[in-house]
Amino acid sequence: MAGDDLTIEILKDIRAEIRGMHAEQVATNQRLDATNQRLDVTVERLDLTIERLGIGNQRLDTVESTLLDLAEKQGLVVRYTRALAEGDGRLERRVDELEIRVEKLETE
């Protein structure tokens, strides 16, 4: 009988350890499930961030293109203004000639 009692006690201990391992496995699975859920949320956030970055890059491309066009047009305005400021001398000569003619007419 003593041998049977010892065998029963050993079997009970084995069963208790198996139950304990099963409980640990359940807890580990729950932690893994929670981790997977957090990872899913993180992936969704990353996807949203990537999408927003794409939109931001498109906007920056538009701004860059607009600024380049504006710089080109500003360069044209500067060259035109410089040409007007420097003048070709013909207009000034004509004004000088007209002033001389008016002066002659006024003195007669």
PDB file of N, CA and C in Angstrom:
ATOM      1  N   MET A   1       0.803  -1.190   0.000  1.00  0.00           N
ATOM      2  CA  MET A   1       0.000   0.000   0.000  1.00  0.00           C
ATOM      3  C   MET A   1       0.853   1.265   0.000  1.00  0.00           C
ATOM      4  N   ALA A   2       1.933   1.214   0.709  1.00  0.00           N
ATOM      5  CA  ALA A   2       2.784   2.376   0.799  1.00  0.00           C
ATOM      6  C   ALA A   2       3.285   2.759  -0.576  1.00  0.00           C
ATOM      7  N   GLY A   3       3.556   1.777  -1.439  1.00  0.00           N
ATOM      8  CA  GLY A   3       4.013   2.041  -2.795  1.00  0.00           C
ATOM      9  C   GLY A   3       2.919   2.696  -3.614  1.00  0.00           C
ATOM     10  N   ASP A   4       1.681   2.240  -3.399  1.00  0.00           N
ATOM     11  CA  ASP A   4       0.553   2.828  -4.129  1.00  0.00           C
ATOM     12  C   ASP A   4       0.336   4.275  -3.695  1.00  0.00           C
ATOM     13  N   ASP A   5       0.452   4.548  -2.396  1.00  0.00           N
ATOM     14  CA  ASP A   5       0.280   5.912  -1.893  1.00  0.00           C
ATOM     15  C   ASP A   5       1.362   6.838  -2.459  1.00  0.00           C
ATOM     16  N   LEU A   6       2.569   6.325  -2.530  1.00  0.00           N
ATOM     17  CA  LEU A   6       3.670   7.123  -3.069  1.00  0.00           C
ATOM     18  C   LEU A   6       3.433   7.423  -4.552  1.00  0.00           C
ATOM     19  N   THR A   7       2.960   6.435  -5.282  1.00  0.00           N
ATOM     20  CA  THR A   7       2.678   6.622  -6.706  1.00  0.00           C
ATOM     21  C   THR A   7       1.569   7.653  -6.882  1.00  0.00           C
ATOM     22  N   ILE A   8       0.550   7.557  -6.065  1.00  0.00           N
ATOM     23  CA  ILE A   8      -0.571   8.509  -6.139  1.00  0.00           C
ATOM     24  C   ILE A   8      -0.079   9.919  -5.831  1.00  0.00           C
ATOM     25  N   GLU A   9       0.765  10.064  -4.830  1.00  0.00           N
ATOM     26  CA  GLU A   9       1.300  11.384  -4.478  1.00  0.00           C
ATOM     27  C   GLU A   9       2.149  11.946  -5.613  1.00  0.00           C
ATOM     28  N   ILE A  10       2.956  11.100  -6.227  1.00  0.00           N
ATOM     29  CA  ILE A  10       3.792  11.550  -7.361  1.00  0.00           C
ATOM     30  C   ILE A  10       2.900  11.986  -8.508  1.00  0.00           C
ATOM     31  N   LEU A  11       1.869  11.192  -8.808  1.00  0.00           N
ATOM     32  CA  LEU A  11       0.937  11.534  -9.890  1.00  0.00           C
ATOM     33  C   LEU A  11       0.209  12.846  -9.575  1.00  0.00           C
ATOM     34  N   LYS A  12      -0.157  13.073  -8.336  1.00  0.00           N
ATOM     35  CA  LYS A  12      -0.819  14.319  -7.947  1.00  0.00           C
ATOM     36  C   LYS A  12       0.121  15.510  -8.151  1.00  0.00           C
ATOM     37  N   ASP A  13       1.399  15.311  -7.779  1.00  0.00           N
ATOM     38  CA  ASP A  13       2.386  16.379  -7.964  1.00  0.00           C
ATOM     39  C   ASP A  13       2.571  16.694  -9.450  1.00  0.00           C
ATOM     40  N   ILE A  14       2.644  15.634 -10.267  1.00  0.00           N
ATOM     41  CA  ILE A  14       2.782  15.832 -11.716  1.00  0.00           C
ATOM     42  C   ILE A  14       1.574  16.588 -12.255  1.00  0.00           C
ATOM     43  N   ARG A  15       0.371  16.176 -11.811  1.00  0.00           N
ATOM     44  CA  ARG A  15      -0.849  16.854 -12.257  1.00  0.00           C
ATOM     45  C   ARG A  15      -0.853  18.314 -11.820  1.00  0.00           C
ATOM     46  N   ALA A  16      -0.403  18.598 -10.621  1.00  0.00           N
ATOM     47  CA  ALA A  16      -0.360  19.978 -10.128  1.00  0.00           C
ATOM     48  C   ALA A  16       0.624  20.809 -10.954  1.00  0.00           C
ATOM     49  N   GLU A  17       1.774  20.219 -11.291  1.00  0.00           N
ATOM     50  CA  GLU A  17       2.762  20.936 -12.104  1.00  0.00           C
ATOM     51  C   GLU A  17       2.215  21.199 -13.508  1.00  0.00           C
ATOM     52  N   ILE A  18       1.517  20.210 -14.066  1.00  0.00           N
ATOM     53  CA  ILE A  18       0.933  20.391 -15.405  1.00  0.00           C
ATOM     54  C   ILE A  18      -0.108  21.500 -15.365  1.00  0.00           C
ATOM     55  N   ARG A  19      -0.928  21.544 -14.330  1.00  0.00           N
ATOM     56  CA  ARG A  19      -1.927  22.612 -14.190  1.00  0.00           C
ATOM     57  C   ARG A  19      -1.240  23.977 -14.057  1.00  0.00           C
ATOM     58  N   GLY A  20      -0.153  23.979 -13.275  1.00  0.00           N
ATOM     59  CA  GLY A  20       0.592  25.226 -13.117  1.00  0.00           C
ATOM     60  C   GLY A  20       1.190  25.689 -14.436  1.00  0.00           C
ATOM     61  N   MET A  21       1.735  24.734 -15.201  1.00  0.00           N
ATOM     62  CA  MET A  21       2.297  25.074 -16.509  1.00  0.00           C
ATOM     63  C   MET A  21       1.202  25.564 -17.454  1.00  0.00           C
ATOM     64  N   HIS A  22       0.044  24.941 -17.358  1.00  0.00           N
ATOM     65  CA  HIS A  22      -1.076  25.368 -18.205  1.00  0.00           C
ATOM     66  C   HIS A  22      -1.497  26.790 -17.839  1.00  0.00           C
ATOM     67  N   ALA A  23      -1.553  27.094 -16.562  1.00  0.00           N
ATOM     68  CA  ALA A  23      -1.918  28.447 -16.121  1.00  0.00           C
ATOM     69  C   ALA A  23      -0.876  29.449 -16.600  1.00  0.00           C
ATOM     70  N   GLU A  24       0.396  29.088 -16.531  1.00  0.00           N
ATOM     71  CA  GLU A  24       1.450  29.973 -17.020  1.00  0.00           C
ATOM     72  C   GLU A  24       1.333  30.184 -18.526  1.00  0.00           C
ATOM     73  N   GLN A  25       0.988  29.097 -19.239  1.00  0.00           N
ATOM     74  CA  GLN A  25       0.833  29.202 -20.688  1.00  0.00           C
ATOM     75  C   GLN A  25      -0.344  30.113 -21.034  1.00  0.00           C
ATOM     76  N   VAL A  26      -1.427  30.009 -20.292  1.00  0.00           N
ATOM     77  CA  VAL A  26      -2.589  30.878 -20.515  1.00  0.00           C
ATOM     78  C   VAL A  26      -2.199  32.333 -20.270  1.00  0.00           C
ATOM     79  N   ALA A  27      -1.473  32.579 -19.187  1.00  0.00           N
ATOM     80  CA  ALA A  27      -1.036  33.941 -18.877  1.00  0.00           C
ATOM     81  C   ALA A  27      -0.097  34.463 -19.963  1.00  0.00           C
ATOM     82  N   THR A  28       0.811  33.613 -20.425  1.00  0.00           N
ATOM     83  CA  THR A  28       1.727  34.011 -21.496  1.00  0.00           C
ATOM     84  C   THR A  28       0.952  34.326 -22.772  1.00  0.00           C
ATOM     85  N   ASN A  29      -0.026  33.494 -23.090  1.00  0.00           N
ATOM     86  CA  ASN A  29      -0.849  33.748 -24.279  1.00  0.00           C
ATOM     87  C   ASN A  29      -1.615  35.067 -24.155  1.00  0.00           C
ATOM     88  N   GLN A  30      -2.105  35.353 -22.959  1.00  0.00           N
ATOM     89  CA  GLN A  30      -2.820  36.623 -22.760  1.00  0.00           C
ATOM     90  C   GLN A  30      -1.876  37.811 -22.959  1.00  0.00           C
ATOM     91  N   ARG A  31      -0.659  37.687 -22.424  1.00  0.00           N
ATOM     92  CA  ARG A  31       0.320  38.757 -22.613  1.00  0.00           C
ATOM     93  C   ARG A  31       0.678  38.921 -24.089  1.00  0.00           C
ATOM     94  N   LEU A  32       0.821  37.817 -24.782  1.00  0.00           N
ATOM     95  CA  LEU A  32       1.106  37.874 -26.214  1.00  0.00           C
ATOM     96  C   LEU A  32      -0.048  38.530 -26.987  1.00  0.00           C
ATOM     97  N   ASP A  33      -1.273  38.182 -26.614  1.00  0.00           N
ATOM     98  CA  ASP A  33      -2.434  38.796 -27.269  1.00  0.00           C
ATOM     99  C   ASP A  33      -2.460  40.299 -27.028  1.00  0.00           C
ATOM    100  N   ALA A  34      -2.179  40.707 -25.806  1.00  0.00           N
ATOM    101  CA  ALA A  34      -2.152  42.144 -25.490  1.00  0.00           C
ATOM    102  C   ALA A  34      -1.040  42.845 -26.266  1.00  0.00           C
ATOM    103  N   THR A  35       0.112  42.192 -26.359  1.00  0.00           N
ATOM    104  CA  THR A  35       1.226  42.763 -27.123  1.00  0.00           C
ATOM    105  C   THR A  35       0.854  42.888 -28.599  1.00  0.00           C
ATOM    106  N   ASN A  36       0.211  41.869 -29.142  1.00  0.00           N
ATOM    107  CA  ASN A  36      -0.221  41.914 -30.538  1.00  0.00           C
ATOM    108  C   ASN A  36      -1.222  43.047 -30.780  1.00  0.00           C
ATOM    109  N   GLN A  37      -2.112  43.265 -29.832  1.00  0.00           N
ATOM    110  CA  GLN A  37      -3.077  44.357 -29.969  1.00  0.00           C
ATOM    111  C   GLN A  37      -2.362  45.709 -29.971  1.00  0.00           C
ATOM    112  N   ARG A  38      -1.392  45.866 -29.070  1.00  0.00           N
ATOM    113  CA  ARG A  38      -0.635  47.119 -29.037  1.00  0.00           C
ATOM    114  C   ARG A  38       0.160  47.309 -30.326  1.00  0.00           C
ATOM    115  N   LEU A  39       0.711  46.229 -30.846  1.00  0.00           N
ATOM    116  CA  LEU A  39       1.443  46.310 -32.107  1.00  0.00           C
ATOM    117  C   LEU A  39       0.518  46.687 -33.258  1.00  0.00           C
ATOM    118  N   ASP A  40      -0.691  46.154 -33.248  1.00  0.00           N
ATOM    119  CA  ASP A  40      -1.664  46.508 -34.295  1.00  0.00           C
ATOM    120  C   ASP A  40      -1.976  47.999 -34.251  1.00  0.00           C
ATOM    121  N   VAL A  41      -2.160  48.515 -33.039  1.00  0.00           N
ATOM    122  CA  VAL A  41      -2.434  49.951 -32.889  1.00  0.00           C
ATOM    123  C   VAL A  41      -1.236  50.761 -33.373  1.00  0.00           C
ATOM    124  N   THR A  42      -0.047  50.303 -33.030  1.00  0.00           N
ATOM    125  CA  THR A  42       1.168  50.999 -33.456  1.00  0.00           C
ATOM    126  C   THR A  42       1.298  50.989 -34.968  1.00  0.00           C
ATOM    127  N   VAL A  43       1.004  49.870 -35.602  1.00  0.00           N
ATOM    128  CA  VAL A  43       1.075  49.777 -37.060  1.00  0.00           C
ATOM    129  C   VAL A  43       0.061  50.720 -37.695  1.00  0.00           C
ATOM    130  N   GLU A  44      -1.141  50.782 -37.132  1.00  0.00           N
ATOM    131  CA  GLU A  44      -2.154  51.703 -37.655  1.00  0.00           C
ATOM    132  C   GLU A  44      -1.672  53.150 -37.544  1.00  0.00           C
ATOM    133  N   ARG A  45      -1.074  53.481 -36.414  1.00  0.00           N
ATOM    134  CA  ARG A  45      -0.557  54.840 -36.230  1.00  0.00           C
ATOM    135  C   ARG A  45       0.571  55.132 -37.219  1.00  0.00           C
ATOM    136  N   LEU A  46       1.439  54.163 -37.426  1.00  0.00           N
ATOM    137  CA  LEU A  46       2.528  54.346 -38.385  1.00  0.00           C
ATOM    138  C   LEU A  46       1.980  54.531 -39.801  1.00  0.00           C
ATOM    139  N   ASP A  47       0.980  53.742 -40.158  1.00  0.00           N
ATOM    140  CA  ASP A  47       0.369  53.895 -41.481  1.00  0.00           C
ATOM    141  C   ASP A  47      -0.234  55.283 -41.638  1.00  0.00           C
ATOM    142  N   LEU A  48      -0.910  55.758 -40.600  1.00  0.00           N
ATOM    143  CA  LEU A  48      -1.495  57.097 -40.637  1.00  0.00           C
ATOM    144  C   LEU A  48      -0.395  58.158 -40.746  1.00  0.00           C
ATOM    145  N   THR A  49       0.675  57.976 -40.011  1.00  0.00           N
ATOM    146  CA  THR A  49       1.790  58.925 -40.068  1.00  0.00           C
ATOM    147  C   THR A  49       2.420  58.946 -41.456  1.00  0.00           C
ATOM    148  N   ILE A  50       2.593  57.779 -42.045  1.00  0.00           N
ATOM    149  CA  ILE A  50       3.157  57.701 -43.394  1.00  0.00           C
ATOM    150  C   ILE A  50       2.240  58.395 -44.391  1.00  0.00           C
ATOM    151  N   GLU A  51       0.948  58.193 -44.242  1.00  0.00           N
ATOM    152  CA  GLU A  51      -0.014  58.854 -45.134  1.00  0.00           C
ATOM    153  C   GLU A  51       0.060  60.371 -44.977  1.00  0.00           C
ATOM    154  N   ARG A  52       0.134  60.831 -43.738  1.00  0.00           N
ATOM    155  CA  ARG A  52       0.230  62.275 -43.493  1.00  0.00           C
ATOM    156  C   ARG A  52       1.538  62.840 -44.054  1.00  0.00           C
ATOM    157  N   LEU A  53       2.620  62.089 -43.923  1.00  0.00           N
ATOM    158  CA  LEU A  53       3.897  62.537 -44.483  1.00  0.00           C
ATOM    159  C   LEU A  53       3.815  62.638 -45.997  1.00  0.00           C
ATOM    160  N   GLY A  54       3.116  61.707 -46.621  1.00  0.00           N
ATOM    161  CA  GLY A  54       2.932  61.765 -48.064  1.00  0.00           C
ATOM    162  C   GLY A  54       2.175  63.014 -48.479  1.00  0.00           C
ATOM    163  N   ILE A  55       1.121  63.334 -47.740  1.00  0.00           N
ATOM    164  CA  ILE A  55       0.344  64.549 -48.025  1.00  0.00           C
ATOM    165  C   ILE A  55       1.210  65.782 -47.798  1.00  0.00           C
ATOM    166  N   GLY A  56       1.979  65.771 -46.712  1.00  0.00           N
ATOM    167  CA  GLY A  56       2.876  66.896 -46.426  1.00  0.00           C
ATOM    168  C   GLY A  56       3.912  67.075 -47.529  1.00  0.00           C
ATOM    169  N   ASN A  57       4.458  65.974 -48.027  1.00  0.00           N
ATOM    170  CA  ASN A  57       5.437  66.053 -49.110  1.00  0.00           C
ATOM    171  C   ASN A  57       4.812  66.607 -50.383  1.00  0.00           C
ATOM    172  N   GLN A  58       3.570  66.219 -50.667  1.00  0.00           N
ATOM    173  CA  GLN A  58       2.887  66.769 -51.841  1.00  0.00           C
ATOM    174  C   GLN A  58       2.714  68.271 -51.697  1.00  0.00           C
ATOM    175  N   ARG A  59       2.328  68.697 -50.511  1.00  0.00           N
ATOM    176  CA  ARG A  59       2.158  70.136 -50.279  1.00  0.00           C
ATOM    177  C   ARG A  59       3.486  70.869 -50.431  1.00  0.00           C
ATOM    178  N   LEU A  60       4.541  70.303 -49.883  1.00  0.00           N
ATOM    179  CA  LEU A  60       5.857  70.927 -50.006  1.00  0.00           C
ATOM    180  C   LEU A  60       6.311  70.998 -51.464  1.00  0.00           C
ATOM    181  N   ASP A  61       6.004  69.960 -52.231  1.00  0.00           N
ATOM    182  CA  ASP A  61       6.334  69.984 -53.657  1.00  0.00           C
ATOM    183  C   ASP A  61       5.609  71.124 -54.356  1.00  0.00           C
ATOM    184  N   THR A  62       4.340  71.327 -53.997  1.00  0.00           N
ATOM    185  CA  THR A  62       3.565  72.418 -54.585  1.00  0.00           C
ATOM    186  C   THR A  62       4.151  73.769 -54.191  1.00  0.00           C
ATOM    187  N   VAL A  63       4.496  73.916 -52.915  1.00  0.00           N
ATOM    188  CA  VAL A  63       5.089  75.172 -52.447  1.00  0.00           C
ATOM    189  C   VAL A  63       6.422  75.417 -53.151  1.00  0.00           C
ATOM    190  N   GLU A  64       7.240  74.379 -53.270  1.00  0.00           N
ATOM    191  CA  GLU A  64       8.533  74.521 -53.934  1.00  0.00           C
ATOM    192  C   GLU A  64       8.352  74.959 -55.385  1.00  0.00           C
ATOM    193  N   SER A  65       7.432  74.314 -56.077  1.00  0.00           N
ATOM    194  CA  SER A  65       7.183  74.662 -57.480  1.00  0.00           C
ATOM    195  C   SER A  65       6.699  76.103 -57.604  1.00  0.00           C
ATOM    196  N   THR A  66       5.796  76.498 -56.704  1.00  0.00           N
ATOM    197  CA  THR A  66       5.277  77.861 -56.732  1.00  0.00           C
ATOM    198  C   THR A  66       6.383  78.872 -56.462  1.00  0.00           C
ATOM    199  N   LEU A  67       7.245  78.588 -55.491  1.00  0.00           N
ATOM    200  CA  LEU A  67       8.348  79.501 -55.174  1.00  0.00           C
ATOM    201  C   LEU A  67       9.335  79.605 -56.334  1.00  0.00           C
ATOM    202  N   LEU A  68       9.588  78.492 -57.008  1.00  0.00           N
ATOM    203  CA  LEU A  68      10.490  78.535 -58.159  1.00  0.00           C
ATOM    204  C   LEU A  68       9.896  79.378 -59.288  1.00  0.00           C
ATOM    205  N   ASP A  69       8.587  79.218 -59.523  1.00  0.00           N
ATOM    206  CA  ASP A  69       7.919  80.052 -60.534  1.00  0.00           C
ATOM    207  C   ASP A  69       7.972  81.520 -60.148  1.00  0.00           C
ATOM    208  N   LEU A  70       7.724  81.795 -58.879  1.00  0.00           N
ATOM    209  CA  LEU A  70       7.749  83.170 -58.394  1.00  0.00           C
ATOM    210  C   LEU A  70       9.149  83.770 -58.537  1.00  0.00           C
ATOM    211  N   ALA A  71      10.166  83.004 -58.216  1.00  0.00           N
ATOM    212  CA  ALA A  71      11.541  83.495 -58.342  1.00  0.00           C
ATOM    213  C   ALA A  71      11.872  83.807 -59.798  1.00  0.00           C
ATOM    214  N   GLU A  72      11.410  82.953 -60.699  1.00  0.00           N
ATOM    215  CA  GLU A  72      11.655  83.196 -62.118  1.00  0.00           C
ATOM    216  C   GLU A  72      10.964  84.484 -62.575  1.00  0.00           C
ATOM    217  N   LYS A  73       9.714  84.656 -62.151  1.00  0.00           N
ATOM    218  CA  LYS A  73       8.977  85.867 -62.531  1.00  0.00           C
ATOM    219  C   LYS A  73       9.594  87.108 -61.892  1.00  0.00           C
ATOM    220  N   GLN A  74      10.062  86.976 -60.666  1.00  0.00           N
ATOM    221  CA  GLN A  74      10.702  88.105 -60.001  1.00  0.00           C
ATOM    222  C   GLN A  74      11.979  88.491 -60.741  1.00  0.00           C
ATOM    223  N   GLY A  75      12.706  87.501 -61.212  1.00  0.00           N
ATOM    224  CA  GLY A  75      13.907  87.786 -61.996  1.00  0.00           C
ATOM    225  C   GLY A  75      13.575  88.564 -63.261  1.00  0.00           C
ATOM    226  N   LEU A  76      12.468  88.187 -63.908  1.00  0.00           N
ATOM    227  CA  LEU A  76      12.042  88.921 -65.101  1.00  0.00           C
ATOM    228  C   LEU A  76      11.686  90.364 -64.756  1.00  0.00           C
ATOM    229  N   VAL A  77      10.981  90.556 -63.647  1.00  0.00           N
ATOM    230  CA  VAL A  77      10.599  91.910 -63.224  1.00  0.00           C
ATOM    231  C   VAL A  77      11.843  92.736 -62.913  1.00  0.00           C
ATOM    232  N   VAL A  78      12.815  92.144 -62.240  1.00  0.00           N
ATOM    233  CA  VAL A  78      14.045  92.858 -61.903  1.00  0.00           C
ATOM    234  C   VAL A  78      14.772  93.281 -63.181  1.00  0.00           C
ATOM    235  N   ARG A  79      14.897  92.364 -64.133  1.00  0.00           N
ATOM    236  CA  ARG A  79      15.573  92.711 -65.392  1.00  0.00           C
ATOM    237  C   ARG A  79      14.818  93.808 -66.140  1.00  0.00           C
ATOM    238  N   TYR A  80      13.485  93.721 -66.157  1.00  0.00           N
ATOM    239  CA  TYR A  80      12.677  94.735 -66.845  1.00  0.00           C
ATOM    240  C   TYR A  80      12.819  96.087 -66.150  1.00  0.00           C
ATOM    241  N   THR A  81      12.767  96.081 -64.809  1.00  0.00           N
ATOM    242  CA  THR A  81      12.893  97.326 -64.047  1.00  0.00           C
ATOM    243  C   THR A  81      14.277  97.940 -64.254  1.00  0.00           C
ATOM    244  N   ARG A  82      15.301  97.103 -64.259  1.00  0.00           N
ATOM    245  CA  ARG A  82      16.660  97.589 -64.479  1.00  0.00           C
ATOM    246  C   ARG A  82      16.778  98.213 -65.877  1.00  0.00           C
ATOM    247  N   ALA A  83      16.196  97.555 -66.859  1.00  0.00           N
ATOM    248  CA  ALA A  83      16.243  98.086 -68.223  1.00  0.00           C
ATOM    249  C   ALA A  83      15.525  99.421 -68.302  1.00  0.00           C
ATOM    250  N   LEU A  84      14.391  99.539 -67.597  1.00  0.00           N
ATOM    251  CA  LEU A  84      13.670 100.817 -67.583  1.00  0.00           C
ATOM    252  C   LEU A  84      14.476 101.898 -66.877  1.00  0.00           C
ATOM    253  N   ALA A  85      15.097 101.520 -65.752  1.00  0.00           N
ATOM    254  CA  ALA A  85      15.858 102.497 -64.977  1.00  0.00           C
ATOM    255  C   ALA A  85      17.087 102.979 -65.752  1.00  0.00           C
ATOM    256  N   GLU A  86      17.753 102.063 -66.399  1.00  0.00           N
ATOM    257  CA  GLU A  86      18.934 102.445 -67.167  1.00  0.00           C
ATOM    258  C   GLU A  86      18.536 103.187 -68.437  1.00  0.00           C
ATOM    259  N   GLY A  87      17.419 102.796 -69.012  1.00  0.00           N
ATOM    260  CA  GLY A  87      16.924 103.456 -70.219  1.00  0.00           C
ATOM    261  C   GLY A  87      17.882 103.307 -71.373  1.00  0.00           C
ATOM    262  N   ASP A  88      17.408 103.618 -72.538  1.00  0.00           N
ATOM    263  CA  ASP A  88      18.281 103.513 -73.696  1.00  0.00           C
ATOM    264  C   ASP A  88      18.757 104.887 -74.157  1.00  0.00           C
ATOM    265  N   GLY A  89      18.358 105.929 -73.438  1.00  0.00           N
ATOM    266  CA  GLY A  89      18.829 107.270 -73.763  1.00  0.00           C
ATOM    267  C   GLY A  89      17.978 107.991 -74.794  1.00  0.00           C
ATOM    268  N   ARG A  90      17.249 107.264 -75.595  1.00  0.00           N
ATOM    269  CA  ARG A  90      16.449 107.913 -76.638  1.00  0.00           C
ATOM    270  C   ARG A  90      15.342 108.766 -76.033  1.00  0.00           C
ATOM    271  N   LEU A  91      14.688 108.247 -75.013  1.00  0.00           N
ATOM    272  CA  LEU A  91      13.595 108.996 -74.398  1.00  0.00           C
ATOM    273  C   LEU A  91      14.115 110.273 -73.748  1.00  0.00           C
ATOM    274  N   GLU A  92      15.246 110.136 -73.049  1.00  0.00           N
ATOM    275  CA  GLU A  92      15.813 111.321 -72.416  1.00  0.00           C
ATOM    276  C   GLU A  92      16.210 112.366 -73.462  1.00  0.00           C
ATOM    277  N   ARG A  93      16.766 111.942 -74.576  1.00  0.00           N
ATOM    278  CA  ARG A  93      17.132 112.870 -75.644  1.00  0.00           C
ATOM    279  C   ARG A  93      15.907 113.584 -76.184  1.00  0.00           C
ATOM    280  N   ARG A  94      14.838 112.819 -76.369  1.00  0.00           N
ATOM    281  CA  ARG A  94      13.609 113.431 -76.902  1.00  0.00           C
ATOM    282  C   ARG A  94      13.043 114.445 -75.919  1.00  0.00           C
ATOM    283  N   VAL A  95      13.087 114.104 -74.607  1.00  0.00           N
ATOM    284  CA  VAL A  95      12.578 115.038 -73.602  1.00  0.00           C
ATOM    285  C   VAL A  95      13.439 116.297 -73.588  1.00  0.00           C
ATOM    286  N   ASP A  96      14.755 116.104 -73.655  1.00  0.00           N
ATOM    287  CA  ASP A  96      15.661 117.263 -73.692  1.00  0.00           C
ATOM    288  C   ASP A  96      15.365 118.148 -74.908  1.00  0.00           C
ATOM    289  N   GLU A  97      15.173 117.528 -76.057  1.00  0.00           N
ATOM    290  CA  GLU A  97      14.868 118.294 -77.263  1.00  0.00           C
ATOM    291  C   GLU A  97      13.557 119.059 -77.122  1.00  0.00           C
ATOM    292  N   LEU A  98      12.556 118.392 -76.524  1.00  0.00           N
ATOM    293  CA  LEU A  98      11.270 119.066 -76.321  1.00  0.00           C
ATOM    294  C   LEU A  98      11.406 120.237 -75.345  1.00  0.00           C
ATOM    295  N   GLU A  99      12.186 120.055 -74.303  1.00  0.00           N
ATOM    296  CA  GLU A  99      12.394 121.141 -73.355  1.00  0.00           C
ATOM    297  C   GLU A  99      13.059 122.332 -74.054  1.00  0.00           C
ATOM    298  N   ILE A 100      14.020 122.056 -74.889  1.00  0.00           N
ATOM    299  CA  ILE A 100      14.706 123.134 -75.630  1.00  0.00           C
ATOM    300  C   ILE A 100      13.708 123.847 -76.529  1.00  0.00           C
ATOM    301  N   ARG A 101      12.870 123.100 -77.228  1.00  0.00           N
ATOM    302  CA  ARG A 101      11.892 123.712 -78.118  1.00  0.00           C
ATOM    303  C   ARG A 101      10.889 124.557 -77.348  1.00  0.00           C
ATOM    304  N   VAL A 102      10.434 124.048 -76.179  1.00  0.00           N
ATOM    305  CA  VAL A 102       9.477 124.809 -75.364  1.00  0.00           C
ATOM    306  C   VAL A 102      10.133 126.094 -74.870  1.00  0.00           C
ATOM    307  N   GLU A 103      11.374 125.959 -74.455  1.00  0.00           N
ATOM    308  CA  GLU A 103      12.117 127.140 -73.970  1.00  0.00           C
ATOM    309  C   GLU A 103      12.244 128.195 -75.075  1.00  0.00           C
ATOM    310  N   LYS A 104      12.539 127.779 -76.276  1.00  0.00           N
ATOM    311  CA  LYS A 104      12.647 128.705 -77.404  1.00  0.00           C
ATOM    312  C   LYS A 104      11.305 129.373 -77.671  1.00  0.00           C
ATOM    313  N   LEU A 105      10.246 128.550 -77.604  1.00  0.00           N
ATOM    314  CA  LEU A 105       8.923 129.105 -77.871  1.00  0.00           C
ATOM    315  C   LEU A 105       8.532 130.117 -76.782  1.00  0.00           C
ATOM    316  N   GLU A 106       8.890 129.864 -75.553  1.00  0.00           N
ATOM    317  CA  GLU A 106       8.539 130.730 -74.468  1.00  0.00           C
ATOM    318  C   GLU A 106       9.334 132.051 -74.534  1.00  0.00           C
ATOM    319  N   THR A 107      10.551 131.989 -75.036  1.00  0.00           N
ATOM    320  CA  THR A 107      11.381 133.205 -75.095  1.00  0.00           C
ATOM    321  C   THR A 107      11.009 134.069 -76.299  1.00  0.00           C
ATOM    322  N   GLU A 108      10.358 133.590 -77.302  1.00  0.00           N
ATOM    323  CA  GLU A 108       9.989 134.387 -78.467  1.00  0.00           C
ATOM    324  C   GLU A 108       8.825 135.253 -78.230  1.00  0.00           C
TER     325      GLU A 108
END
